[in-house]
Structures are given as structure tokens and as C-alpha cells.
C-alpha atoms as a PDB file:
ATOM      1  CA  UNK A   1     172.505  58.155  60.284  1.00  0.00           C
ATOM      2  CA  UNK A   2     172.629  54.354  60.528  1.00  0.00           C
ATOM      3  CA  UNK A   3     171.262  54.583  64.052  1.00  0.00           C
ATOM      4  CA  UNK A   4     168.254  56.624  62.877  1.00  0.00           C
ATOM      5  CA  UNK A   5     167.502  54.156  60.078  1.00  0.00           C
ATOM      6  CA  UNK A   6     167.810  51.242  62.503  1.00  0.00           C
ATOM      7  CA  UNK A   7     165.508  52.944  65.035  1.00  0.00           C
ATOM      8  CA  UNK A   8     162.976  53.821  62.336  1.00  0.00           C
ATOM      9  CA  UNK A   9     162.997  50.241  61.058  1.00  0.00           C
ATOM     10  CA  UNK A  10     162.585  48.806  64.573  1.00  0.00           C
ATOM     11  CA  UNK A  11     159.780  51.244  65.315  1.00  0.00           C
ATOM     12  CA  UNK A  12     157.863  50.274  62.192  1.00  0.00           C
ATOM     13  CA  UNK A  13     158.271  46.572  63.005  1.00  0.00           C
ATOM     14  CA  UNK A  14     156.958  47.120  66.507  1.00  0.00           C
ATOM     15  CA  UNK A  15     154.028  49.126  65.182  1.00  0.00           C
ATOM     16  CA  UNK A  16     153.011  46.311  62.867  1.00  0.00           C
ATOM     17  CA  UNK A  17     153.585  43.444  65.341  1.00  0.00           C
ATOM     18  CA  UNK A  18     150.437  41.377  65.903  1.00  0.00           C
ATOM     19  CA  UNK A  19     148.584  41.944  69.163  1.00  0.00           C
ATOM     20  CA  UNK A  20     148.361  38.828  71.303  1.00  0.00           C
ATOM     21  CA  UNK A  21     144.836  37.475  71.456  1.00  0.00           C
ATOM     22  CA  UNK A  22     143.128  35.287  73.980  1.00  0.00           C
ATOM     23  CA  UNK A  23     141.446  32.193  72.645  1.00  0.00           C
ATOM     24  CA  UNK A  24     137.886  31.206  73.510  1.00  0.00           C
ATOM     25  CA  UNK A  25     137.351  27.425  73.503  1.00  0.00           C
ATOM     26  CA  UNK A  26     134.345  25.273  74.263  1.00  0.00           C
ATOM     27  CA  UNK A  27     132.398  22.053  73.891  1.00  0.00           C
ATOM     28  CA  UNK A  28     128.814  20.831  74.110  1.00  0.00           C
ATOM     29  CA  UNK A  29     128.650  17.576  76.103  1.00  0.00           C
ATOM     30  CA  UNK A  30     126.230  14.759  75.250  1.00  0.00           C
ATOM     31  CA  UNK A  31     126.069  11.009  75.802  1.00  0.00           C
ATOM     32  CA  UNK A  32     126.259  10.303  72.086  1.00  0.00           C
ATOM     33  CA  UNK A  33     129.779  11.756  71.935  1.00  0.00           C
ATOM     34  CA  UNK A  34     131.036   9.207  74.500  1.00  0.00           C
ATOM     35  CA  UNK A  35     132.922   6.103  73.309  1.00  0.00           C
ATOM     36  CA  UNK A  36     130.899   3.946  73.298  1.00  0.00           C
ATOM     37  CA  UNK A  37     127.813   6.181  73.066  1.00  0.00           C
ATOM     38  CA  UNK A  38     125.668   6.509  76.192  1.00  0.00           C
ATOM     39  CA  UNK A  39     121.888   6.812  76.015  1.00  0.00           C
ATOM     40  CA  UNK A  40     121.250   9.632  78.488  1.00  0.00           C
ATOM     41  CA  UNK A  41     119.234  12.828  78.596  1.00  0.00           C
ATOM     42  CA  UNK A  42     122.115  14.543  80.423  1.00  0.00           C
ATOM     43  CA  UNK A  43     123.849  17.463  78.764  1.00  0.00           C
ATOM     44  CA  UNK A  44     126.580  19.920  79.535  1.00  0.00           C
ATOM     45  CA  UNK A  45     128.746  22.730  78.284  1.00  0.00           C
ATOM     46  CA  UNK A  46     132.425  23.496  78.741  1.00  0.00           C
ATOM     47  CA  UNK A  47     133.548  27.048  78.003  1.00  0.00           C
ATOM     48  CA  UNK A  48     136.923  28.603  78.620  1.00  0.00           C
ATOM     49  CA  UNK A  49     139.264  31.450  77.811  1.00  0.00           C
ATOM     50  CA  UNK A  50     142.942  30.730  77.166  1.00  0.00           C
ATOM     51  CA  UNK A  51     145.190  33.633  78.194  1.00  0.00           C
ATOM     52  CA  UNK A  52     147.069  35.376  75.354  1.00  0.00           C
ATOM     53  CA  UNK A  53     150.383  33.897  76.533  1.00  0.00           C
ATOM     54  CA  UNK A  54     148.915  30.391  76.956  1.00  0.00           C
ATOM     55  CA  UNK A  55     149.827  30.186  80.639  1.00  0.00           C
ATOM     56  CA  UNK A  56     146.278  29.867  82.015  1.00  0.00           C
ATOM     57  CA  UNK A  57     142.794  28.698  81.097  1.00  0.00           C
ATOM     58  CA  UNK A  58     139.805  30.189  82.952  1.00  0.00           C
ATOM     59  CA  UNK A  59     136.944  27.702  82.582  1.00  0.00           C
ATOM     60  CA  UNK A  60     133.322  27.031  83.449  1.00  0.00           C
ATOM     61  CA  UNK A  61     131.620  23.674  83.075  1.00  0.00           C
ATOM     62  CA  UNK A  62     127.864  23.281  83.485  1.00  0.00           C
ATOM     63  CA  UNK A  63     125.965  19.996  83.390  1.00  0.00           C
ATOM     64  CA  UNK A  64     122.582  18.549  84.388  1.00  0.00           C
ATOM     65  CA  UNK A  65     120.338  15.502  84.084  1.00  0.00           C
ATOM     66  CA  UNK A  66     123.001  12.914  84.917  1.00  0.00           C
ATOM     67  CA  UNK A  67     121.693   9.408  85.659  1.00  0.00           C
ATOM     68  CA  UNK A  68     123.863   8.769  88.726  1.00  0.00           C
ATOM     69  CA  UNK A  69     126.264  10.494  91.129  1.00  0.00           C
ATOM     70  CA  UNK A  70     129.155  12.374  89.520  1.00  0.00           C
ATOM     71  CA  UNK A  71     132.574  10.845  90.161  1.00  0.00           C
ATOM     72  CA  UNK A  72     134.841  13.271  88.262  1.00  0.00           C
ATOM     73  CA  UNK A  73     135.248  15.480  85.206  1.00  0.00           C
ATOM     74  CA  UNK A  74     138.345  15.878  83.028  1.00  0.00           C
ATOM     75  CA  UNK A  75     140.001  17.093  79.900  1.00  0.00           C
ATOM     76  CA  UNK A  76     141.390  14.160  77.920  1.00  0.00           C
ATOM     77  CA  UNK A  77     143.699  14.200  74.918  1.00  0.00           C
ATOM     78  CA  UNK A  78     141.985  12.130  72.226  1.00  0.00           C
ATOM     79  CA  UNK A  79     140.445  12.800  68.846  1.00  0.00           C
ATOM     80  CA  UNK A  80     136.748  12.342  68.048  1.00  0.00           C
ATOM     81  CA  UNK A  81     135.488   8.776  68.703  1.00  0.00           C
ATOM     82  CA  UNK A  82     138.722   7.754  70.461  1.00  0.00           C
ATOM     83  CA  UNK A  83     139.329   7.549  74.213  1.00  0.00           C
ATOM     84  CA  UNK A  84     142.481   9.294  75.404  1.00  0.00           C
ATOM     85  CA  UNK A  85     144.511  10.052  78.497  1.00  0.00           C
ATOM     86  CA  UNK A  86     143.197  12.229  81.306  1.00  0.00           C
ATOM     87  CA  UNK A  87     145.444  15.300  81.490  1.00  0.00           C
ATOM     88  CA  UNK A  88     143.452  17.835  83.556  1.00  0.00           C
ATOM     89  CA  UNK A  89     140.821  17.377  86.267  1.00  0.00           C
ATOM     90  CA  UNK A  90     137.997  19.922  85.909  1.00  0.00           C
ATOM     91  CA  UNK A  91     136.455  18.755  89.201  1.00  0.00           C
ATOM     92  CA  UNK A  92     137.021  16.007  91.732  1.00  0.00           C
ATOM     93  CA  UNK A  93     135.216  13.988  94.393  1.00  0.00           C
ATOM     94  CA  UNK A  94     136.447  12.261  97.546  1.00  0.00           C
ATOM     95  CA  UNK A  95     136.168   8.933  95.716  1.00  0.00           C
ATOM     96  CA  UNK A  96     138.177  10.187  92.717  1.00  0.00           C
ATOM     97  CA  UNK A  97     140.522  12.956  93.857  1.00  0.00           C
ATOM     98  CA  UNK A  98     142.618  15.083  91.511  1.00  0.00           C
ATOM     99  CA  UNK A  99     146.264  13.970  91.940  1.00  0.00           C
ATOM    100  CA  UNK A 100     147.309  17.642  91.992  1.00  0.00           C
ATOM    101  CA  UNK A 101     144.664  18.506  94.605  1.00  0.00           C
ATOM    102  CA  UNK A 102     143.860  21.698  92.666  1.00  0.00           C
ATOM    103  CA  UNK A 103     140.490  20.925  91.030  1.00  0.00           C
ATOM    104  CA  UNK A 104     137.325  22.184  92.735  1.00  0.00           C
ATOM    105  CA  UNK A 105     134.719  19.703  94.043  1.00  0.00           C
ATOM    106  CA  UNK A 106     132.185  18.352  91.536  1.00  0.00           C
ATOM    107  CA  UNK A 107     128.556  19.361  92.026  1.00  0.00           C
ATOM    108  CA  UNK A 108     125.898  16.738  91.227  1.00  0.00           C
ATOM    109  CA  UNK A 109     124.542  19.215  88.712  1.00  0.00           C
ATOM    110  CA  UNK A 110     125.149  22.882  88.076  1.00  0.00           C
ATOM    111  CA  UNK A 111     128.344  24.777  87.426  1.00  0.00           C
ATOM    112  CA  UNK A 112     131.980  24.351  88.363  1.00  0.00           C
ATOM    113  CA  UNK A 113     134.631  26.968  87.545  1.00  0.00           C
ATOM    114  CA  UNK A 114     138.347  27.286  87.928  1.00  0.00           C
ATOM    115  CA  UNK A 115     141.665  28.313  86.461  1.00  0.00           C
ATOM    116  CA  UNK A 116     144.026  25.807  84.893  1.00  0.00           C
ATOM    117  CA  UNK A 117     147.795  26.341  84.829  1.00  0.00           C
ATOM    118  CA  UNK A 118     150.685  23.987  84.154  1.00  0.00           C
ATOM    119  CA  UNK A 119     150.403  22.866  87.818  1.00  0.00           C
ATOM    120  CA  UNK A 120     147.027  21.228  86.949  1.00  0.00           C
ATOM    121  CA  UNK A 121     148.404  19.072  84.128  1.00  0.00           C
ATOM    122  CA  UNK A 122     149.017  15.415  85.020  1.00  0.00           C
ATOM    123  CA  UNK A 123     151.001  12.907  82.957  1.00  0.00           C
ATOM    124  CA  UNK A 124     148.892  11.025  80.439  1.00  0.00           C
ATOM    125  CA  UNK A 125     148.346   7.368  81.282  1.00  0.00           C
ATOM    126  CA  UNK A 126     148.849   6.276  77.672  1.00  0.00           C
ATOM    127  CA  UNK A 127     152.635   6.472  77.377  1.00  0.00           C
ATOM    128  CA  UNK A 128     152.584   6.509  73.566  1.00  0.00           C
ATOM    129  CA  UNK A 129     150.794   9.884  73.732  1.00  0.00           C
ATOM    130  CA  UNK A 130     153.949  11.348  75.353  1.00  0.00           C
ATOM    131  CA  UNK A 131     152.034  13.755  77.621  1.00  0.00           C
ATOM    132  CA  UNK A 132     154.157  14.967  80.518  1.00  0.00           C
ATOM    133  CA  UNK A 133     152.971  16.400  83.819  1.00  0.00           C
ATOM    134  CA  UNK A 134     153.048  20.190  83.757  1.00  0.00           C
ATOM    135  CA  UNK A 135     153.023  20.468  79.945  1.00  0.00           C
ATOM    136  CA  UNK A 136     150.111  22.852  79.381  1.00  0.00           C
ATOM    137  CA  UNK A 137     151.528  23.744  75.958  1.00  0.00           C
ATOM    138  CA  UNK A 138     151.037  20.146  74.753  1.00  0.00           C
ATOM    139  CA  UNK A 139     147.430  20.187  75.985  1.00  0.00           C
ATOM    140  CA  UNK A 140     146.743  23.511  74.243  1.00  0.00           C
ATOM    141  CA  UNK A 141     148.301  22.151  71.041  1.00  0.00           C
ATOM    142  CA  UNK A 142     145.961  19.145  71.216  1.00  0.00           C
ATOM    143  CA  UNK A 143     142.967  21.440  71.806  1.00  0.00           C
ATOM    144  CA  UNK A 144     143.897  23.585  68.800  1.00  0.00           C
ATOM    145  CA  UNK A 145     144.189  20.413  66.692  1.00  0.00           C
ATOM    146  CA  UNK A 146     140.710  19.262  67.778  1.00  0.00           C
ATOM    147  CA  UNK A 147     142.249  16.327  69.657  1.00  0.00           C
ATOM    148  CA  UNK A 148     140.996  17.002  73.200  1.00  0.00           C
ATOM    149  CA  UNK A 149     137.649  16.547  74.900  1.00  0.00           C
ATOM    150  CA  UNK A 150     135.888  17.282  78.165  1.00  0.00           C
ATOM    151  CA  UNK A 151     133.690  14.722  79.852  1.00  0.00           C
ATOM    152  CA  UNK A 152     131.790  14.006  83.059  1.00  0.00           C
ATOM    153  CA  UNK A 153     131.953  10.544  84.661  1.00  0.00           C
ATOM    154  CA  UNK A 154     129.233   9.013  86.854  1.00  0.00           C
ATOM    155  CA  UNK A 155     128.887   5.814  88.883  1.00  0.00           C
ATOM    156  CA  UNK A 156     126.604   4.246  86.240  1.00  0.00           C
ATOM    157  CA  UNK A 157     128.904   5.377  83.380  1.00  0.00           C
ATOM    158  CA  UNK A 158     132.431   5.166  84.834  1.00  0.00           C
ATOM    159  CA  UNK A 159     134.010   5.757  81.400  1.00  0.00           C
ATOM    160  CA  UNK A 160     131.981   8.956  81.062  1.00  0.00           C
ATOM    161  CA  UNK A 161     128.292   9.818  80.710  1.00  0.00           C
ATOM    162  CA  UNK A 162     128.634  12.979  78.618  1.00  0.00           C
ATOM    163  CA  UNK A 163     131.468  14.199  76.414  1.00  0.00           C
ATOM    164  CA  UNK A 164     132.289  16.906  73.891  1.00  0.00           C
ATOM    165  CA  UNK A 165     135.279  17.691  71.668  1.00  0.00           C
ATOM    166  CA  UNK A 166     136.856  21.006  72.646  1.00  0.00           C
ATOM    167  CA  UNK A 167     137.027  23.457  69.765  1.00  0.00           C
ATOM    168  CA  UNK A 168     138.404  26.949  69.247  1.00  0.00           C
ATOM    169  CA  UNK A 169     135.455  29.324  69.109  1.00  0.00           C
ATOM    170  CA  UNK A 170     137.261  32.617  68.558  1.00  0.00           C
ATOM    171  CA  UNK A 171     140.347  34.659  69.251  1.00  0.00           C
ATOM    172  CA  UNK A 172     139.789  37.868  71.182  1.00  0.00           C
ATOM    173  CA  UNK A 173     141.794  41.086  71.266  1.00  0.00           C
ATOM    174  CA  UNK A 174     142.598  42.685  74.655  1.00  0.00           C
ATOM    175  CA  UNK A 175     139.641  45.116  74.331  1.00  0.00           C
ATOM    176  CA  UNK A 176     137.246  42.252  73.499  1.00  0.00           C
ATOM    177  CA  UNK A 177     138.579  40.345  76.527  1.00  0.00           C
ATOM    178  CA  UNK A 178     137.826  43.316  78.795  1.00  0.00           C
ATOM    179  CA  UNK A 179     134.270  43.549  77.464  1.00  0.00           C
ATOM    180  CA  UNK A 180     133.650  39.817  78.108  1.00  0.00           C
ATOM    181  CA  UNK A 181     135.248  40.058  81.547  1.00  0.00           C
ATOM    182  CA  UNK A 182     132.967  42.943  82.520  1.00  0.00           C
ATOM    183  CA  UNK A 183     129.966  40.942  81.309  1.00  0.00           C
ATOM    184  CA  UNK A 184     130.968  38.026  83.565  1.00  0.00           C
ATOM    185  CA  UNK A 185     132.087  35.560  80.865  1.00  0.00           C
ATOM    186  CA  UNK A 186     135.307  33.505  81.138  1.00  0.00           C
END
């Protein structure tokens, strides 16, 4: 009898357990979000899908109108109006290679895509931020707190020409993820 009650209780708990959801994140990149602000007509967009278990981020970054050659693009941990440590390279150039060697090459304009895992995460250069290499969970926590941004650096704006705070856009169920995947969205 006790076994049946225990099984029934476990079954009802499993039936009501929340379904893991992927998280859609993104940012619009402009010069006025850089610190200090940059007067540029360039613009960009970062969009990504965080896997339900938080082990991977499939991303696409698109940008155009930059004033000079692209040198690199990153995710930094830093709140609005504050510069923070580089933690993930979104794309790299020969002049500014990704220390992990995993980021795709940067186009001068257009789209770059990839998948981020813990292997892509580098240690933050600001030691007080306590960001360790390989700690994707810490980066995702910063993103969820609104304390991470994407930006694109150029030779004329080495600190970054365009930038945008990364925000959570939505959380998607497995069926919603399949629909977006079939439509070609990250």
C-alpha cells in the first residue's frame, strides 16, 4: 500500500514538473550605447537562443555601416554605461585572434553565426569581476541580470564602434523551439 501511495505521489510530481524552456536573448547595437558614445551610422543586431540546459548558445550577429575595418566582436560582462571584461569572442580577425581559437572570422559587414559553449568562455581581465575561463553559467547569469553586452570593435573605434545590452526576449517551450528551428531562426 505504501509503495502505491509513493508511486502515485511521484507520478503526480513528475506530471506537474515544469518543462525546460530555451531562452531567446538579443541586443540592438548602436554607437550611442558605447562608453563613451560613438557618433556613427553603423548598426547591428545580436540574437541568440540559449539551450534549455544552459550548455550552449546558438547566435547570429549582423552589422553594417562601420566606419573602418572590423577588428573583433565580443560579449562583455558589464552593466549599461559601464565597460566590462571580454568573456566571449563572437568573431575574430588575424590581428585580434580569439584566445580559444573557436570564434569564426569577422566579416567587414554582414552576418556571423556560431555556437558558444563553456570552451568559448575566457577569463575576464578585470579580476574583481571574478569571471573564470569556462564558466558559461556566470556569463548566462550576467545576461539574465542585464549585465552583459555585445559590441563590434573597429580600427577607428578600438574600444568598440557599436554596442547593445543583451536582454532576455522570451522563453520558449520545446515545441516553440522546433517551430523556430524549422523557420531558420537561432
